[in-house]
Amino acid sequence: MQQSKGRPRGGGAGQESWAEPLHGRDPVPPEEAGQLRYNDPWYDALASGWGESAGDGAQAHGLVPPVRGEGVAEAAAADVYREVQRSAAFQEVRRRYRRFVVPAFVAFFAWYVAYVVAATTVPELMARPVAGAVNVAMVAGLGQFLSTFLLTWAYARHARLRRDRAALELRWDTQELTRGVNGGRS
């Protein structure tokens, strides 16, 4: 049973209304009803409009105010990020990343496609028993899981040993440079 806390109970259908009366006021003016604005500083304006359209196929614009105004400090910070992106240290981190990811992707994708092609084109090979009720298809399928875990482990190890320290140094350098551009503001 809910308490009324001093409010008079309605005598209608037995339901108690928790809504406050508006006394003739509209909650939102009719001219602004379709354009709600968020004043929440934690609201990500970039993610809000992705994939949303204005109804006629065009992207909706201006419904949510930007989190930060575009000014001189933001333009200077963008220049800092472009400068860091062109730096030799950043290019080396990207090169190390590509040196691992491209061959690993090619090998894993080839292994996956070979499994699928073999399963569809040579079912008699895949049905060949290995041990008891276990056949080649089961072993290869479990090999897919095993190779996924091994690739994940190898990627994490490669990142930890070859890229993380350099990337962290770049991050700190970038933060220091943008802090200097923004006048000490973060």
Protein backbone atom coordinates (compact mmCIF):
# COMPACT_ATOMS: atom_id res chain seq x y z
CA MET A 1 0.00 0.00 0.00
CA GLN A 2 1.40 3.40 -0.98
CA GLN A 3 1.16 6.34 1.35
CA SER A 4 -0.47 9.55 0.22
CA LYS A 5 1.92 11.78 2.24
CA GLY A 6 -0.77 14.36 2.84
CA ARG A 7 -2.09 14.50 -0.75
CA PRO A 8 -5.80 14.04 -1.20
CA ARG A 9 -6.73 10.72 -2.78
CA GLY A 10 -8.51 10.77 -6.10
CA GLY A 11 -12.03 9.43 -6.09
CA GLY A 12 -12.02 8.10 -9.67
CA ALA A 13 -10.97 4.66 -10.86
CA GLY A 14 -8.94 3.88 -7.77
CA GLN A 15 -5.61 4.93 -9.33
CA GLU A 16 -3.57 7.60 -7.60
CA SER A 17 -1.95 10.14 -9.92
CA TRP A 18 1.64 11.13 -9.20
CA ALA A 19 1.75 13.82 -11.94
CA GLU A 20 1.80 17.45 -10.92
CA PRO A 21 -0.87 19.62 -12.56
CA LEU A 22 0.45 22.05 -15.18
CA HIS A 23 -2.22 24.71 -14.56
CA GLY A 24 -2.69 25.49 -18.25
CA ARG A 25 1.01 25.47 -19.17
CA ASP A 26 2.36 23.34 -22.01
CA PRO A 27 5.44 21.34 -20.96
CA VAL A 28 7.26 22.29 -24.19
CA PRO A 29 6.32 25.17 -26.51
CA PRO A 30 4.88 23.82 -29.81
CA GLU A 31 7.61 25.46 -31.95
CA GLU A 32 10.32 23.62 -29.98
CA ALA A 33 8.52 20.28 -29.57
CA GLY A 34 10.50 18.55 -32.36
CA GLN A 35 13.89 19.96 -31.38
CA LEU A 36 14.81 18.89 -27.88
CA ARG A 37 18.18 20.02 -26.62
CA TYR A 38 20.30 18.27 -24.03
CA ASN A 39 22.17 20.32 -21.47
CA ASP A 40 23.96 17.34 -19.97
CA PRO A 41 27.76 17.82 -20.00
CA TRP A 42 28.25 14.03 -20.11
CA TYR A 43 26.12 13.63 -23.23
CA ASP A 44 28.22 12.66 -26.24
CA ALA A 45 27.01 14.86 -29.06
CA LEU A 46 29.02 12.95 -31.67
CA ALA A 47 27.34 9.64 -30.93
CA SER A 48 23.84 11.08 -30.74
CA GLY A 49 23.28 11.85 -34.41
CA TRP A 50 24.94 8.83 -35.96
CA GLY A 51 22.57 7.11 -38.33
CA GLU A 52 19.68 9.43 -37.54
CA SER A 53 18.03 11.32 -40.36
CA ALA A 54 15.73 14.30 -40.50
CA GLY A 55 13.00 12.22 -42.14
CA ASP A 56 13.76 13.13 -45.75
CA GLY A 57 16.97 11.12 -45.92
CA ALA A 58 19.20 14.04 -44.92
CA GLN A 59 21.22 13.91 -41.73
CA ALA A 60 19.74 15.79 -38.79
CA HIS A 61 21.88 18.77 -37.76
CA GLY A 62 21.96 21.08 -34.79
CA LEU A 63 19.62 19.24 -32.44
CA VAL A 64 22.26 18.81 -29.77
CA PRO A 65 24.68 21.60 -28.90
CA PRO A 66 28.35 20.70 -29.18
CA VAL A 67 30.14 19.72 -25.98
CA ARG A 68 32.90 22.27 -26.58
CA GLY A 69 32.86 25.34 -28.75
CA GLU A 70 35.14 25.38 -31.78
CA GLY A 71 37.69 28.07 -31.10
CA VAL A 72 41.32 28.96 -31.45
CA ALA A 73 42.46 26.60 -28.67
CA GLU A 74 40.63 23.63 -30.24
CA ALA A 75 42.11 24.40 -33.67
CA ALA A 76 45.58 24.60 -32.12
CA ALA A 77 45.00 21.30 -30.33
CA ALA A 78 43.99 19.72 -33.65
CA ASP A 79 47.28 20.97 -35.10
CA VAL A 80 49.11 19.28 -32.22
CA TYR A 81 47.40 15.95 -33.00
CA ARG A 82 48.26 16.30 -36.70
CA GLU A 83 51.88 17.03 -35.79
CA VAL A 84 52.04 13.97 -33.54
CA GLN A 85 50.47 11.84 -36.28
CA ARG A 86 53.22 12.92 -38.69
CA SER A 87 56.00 12.25 -36.16
CA ALA A 88 58.48 9.42 -36.60
CA ALA A 89 57.52 7.88 -33.23
CA PHE A 90 53.85 7.63 -34.20
CA GLN A 91 54.73 6.19 -37.61
CA GLU A 92 56.93 3.59 -35.91
CA VAL A 93 54.06 2.52 -33.61
CA ARG A 94 51.76 2.21 -36.62
CA ARG A 95 54.42 0.28 -38.57
CA ARG A 96 54.85 -2.20 -35.70
CA TYR A 97 51.09 -2.60 -35.49
CA ARG A 98 50.73 -3.27 -39.23
CA ARG A 99 53.71 -5.65 -39.23
CA PHE A 100 51.85 -7.90 -36.82
CA VAL A 101 48.20 -7.41 -37.77
CA VAL A 102 48.37 -7.78 -41.56
CA PRO A 103 50.18 -11.17 -41.64
CA ALA A 104 48.14 -12.44 -38.67
CA PHE A 105 44.89 -11.45 -40.37
CA VAL A 106 45.91 -13.06 -43.66
CA ALA A 107 46.96 -16.30 -41.95
CA PHE A 108 43.86 -16.52 -39.75
CA PHE A 109 41.47 -15.62 -42.56
CA ALA A 110 43.09 -18.18 -44.89
CA TRP A 111 42.80 -20.85 -42.18
CA TYR A 112 39.12 -19.97 -41.63
CA VAL A 113 38.29 -19.96 -45.35
CA ALA A 114 40.15 -23.27 -45.82
CA TYR A 115 38.03 -24.80 -43.04
CA VAL A 116 34.76 -23.56 -44.55
CA VAL A 117 35.73 -24.55 -48.11
CA ALA A 118 36.87 -28.01 -46.99
CA ALA A 119 33.64 -28.52 -45.04
CA THR A 120 31.51 -27.68 -48.08
CA THR A 121 33.54 -29.16 -50.94
CA VAL A 122 35.08 -32.34 -49.49
CA PRO A 123 32.66 -33.64 -46.86
CA GLU A 124 34.11 -37.13 -47.16
CA LEU A 125 37.49 -35.80 -45.90
CA MET A 126 35.85 -33.93 -43.03
CA ALA A 127 33.83 -37.03 -42.08
CA ARG A 128 36.93 -39.24 -41.80
CA PRO A 129 37.21 -40.52 -38.21
CA VAL A 130 40.28 -39.55 -36.19
CA ALA A 131 39.58 -41.28 -32.88
CA GLY A 132 36.28 -42.96 -32.12
CA ALA A 133 33.40 -40.56 -32.85
CA VAL A 134 35.76 -37.61 -33.35
CA ASN A 135 36.27 -36.78 -37.00
CA VAL A 136 38.46 -34.33 -38.97
CA ALA A 137 35.70 -31.66 -38.99
CA MET A 138 35.51 -31.70 -35.17
CA VAL A 139 39.27 -31.43 -34.82
CA ALA A 140 39.42 -28.57 -37.35
CA GLY A 141 36.48 -26.80 -35.66
CA LEU A 142 38.15 -27.02 -32.27
CA GLY A 143 41.33 -25.83 -33.99
CA GLN A 144 39.44 -22.69 -35.00
CA PHE A 145 38.75 -21.94 -31.35
CA LEU A 146 42.30 -22.75 -30.33
CA SER A 147 43.77 -20.55 -33.07
CA THR A 148 41.49 -17.67 -32.01
CA PHE A 149 42.76 -17.87 -28.44
CA LEU A 150 46.38 -18.20 -29.59
CA LEU A 151 46.03 -15.20 -31.90
CA THR A 152 44.51 -13.13 -29.11
CA TRP A 153 47.35 -14.08 -26.77
CA ALA A 154 49.97 -13.32 -29.45
CA TYR A 155 48.39 -9.93 -30.21
CA ALA A 156 48.29 -8.93 -26.54
CA ARG A 157 51.89 -10.05 -26.05
CA HIS A 158 53.05 -8.20 -29.16
CA ALA A 159 51.24 -5.04 -28.06
CA ARG A 160 52.70 -5.25 -24.56
CA LEU A 161 56.27 -5.87 -25.72
CA ARG A 162 56.49 -3.81 -28.92
CA ARG A 163 53.94 -0.98 -28.88
CA ASP A 164 52.46 -0.10 -25.49
CA ARG A 165 55.44 1.75 -24.04
CA ALA A 166 55.97 3.85 -27.19
CA ALA A 167 52.23 4.56 -27.47
CA LEU A 168 52.06 5.62 -23.83
CA GLU A 169 54.99 7.99 -24.30
CA LEU A 170 53.25 9.48 -27.35
CA ARG A 171 50.08 9.89 -25.32
CA TRP A 172 51.87 11.74 -22.53
CA ASP A 173 53.73 13.94 -25.01
CA THR A 174 50.47 14.75 -26.77
CA GLN A 175 48.74 15.62 -23.51
CA GLU A 176 51.61 17.90 -22.51
CA LEU A 177 51.54 19.64 -25.89
CA THR A 178 47.76 20.15 -25.83
CA ARG A 179 47.92 21.32 -22.21
CA GLY A 180 50.42 23.96 -23.31
CA VAL A 181 48.20 25.02 -26.20
CA ASN A 182 45.09 25.25 -24.00
CA GLY A 183 46.88 27.46 -21.48
CA GLY A 184 46.99 24.90 -18.68
CA ARG A 185 43.39 23.73 -19.10
CA SER A 186 42.87 20.01 -19.66
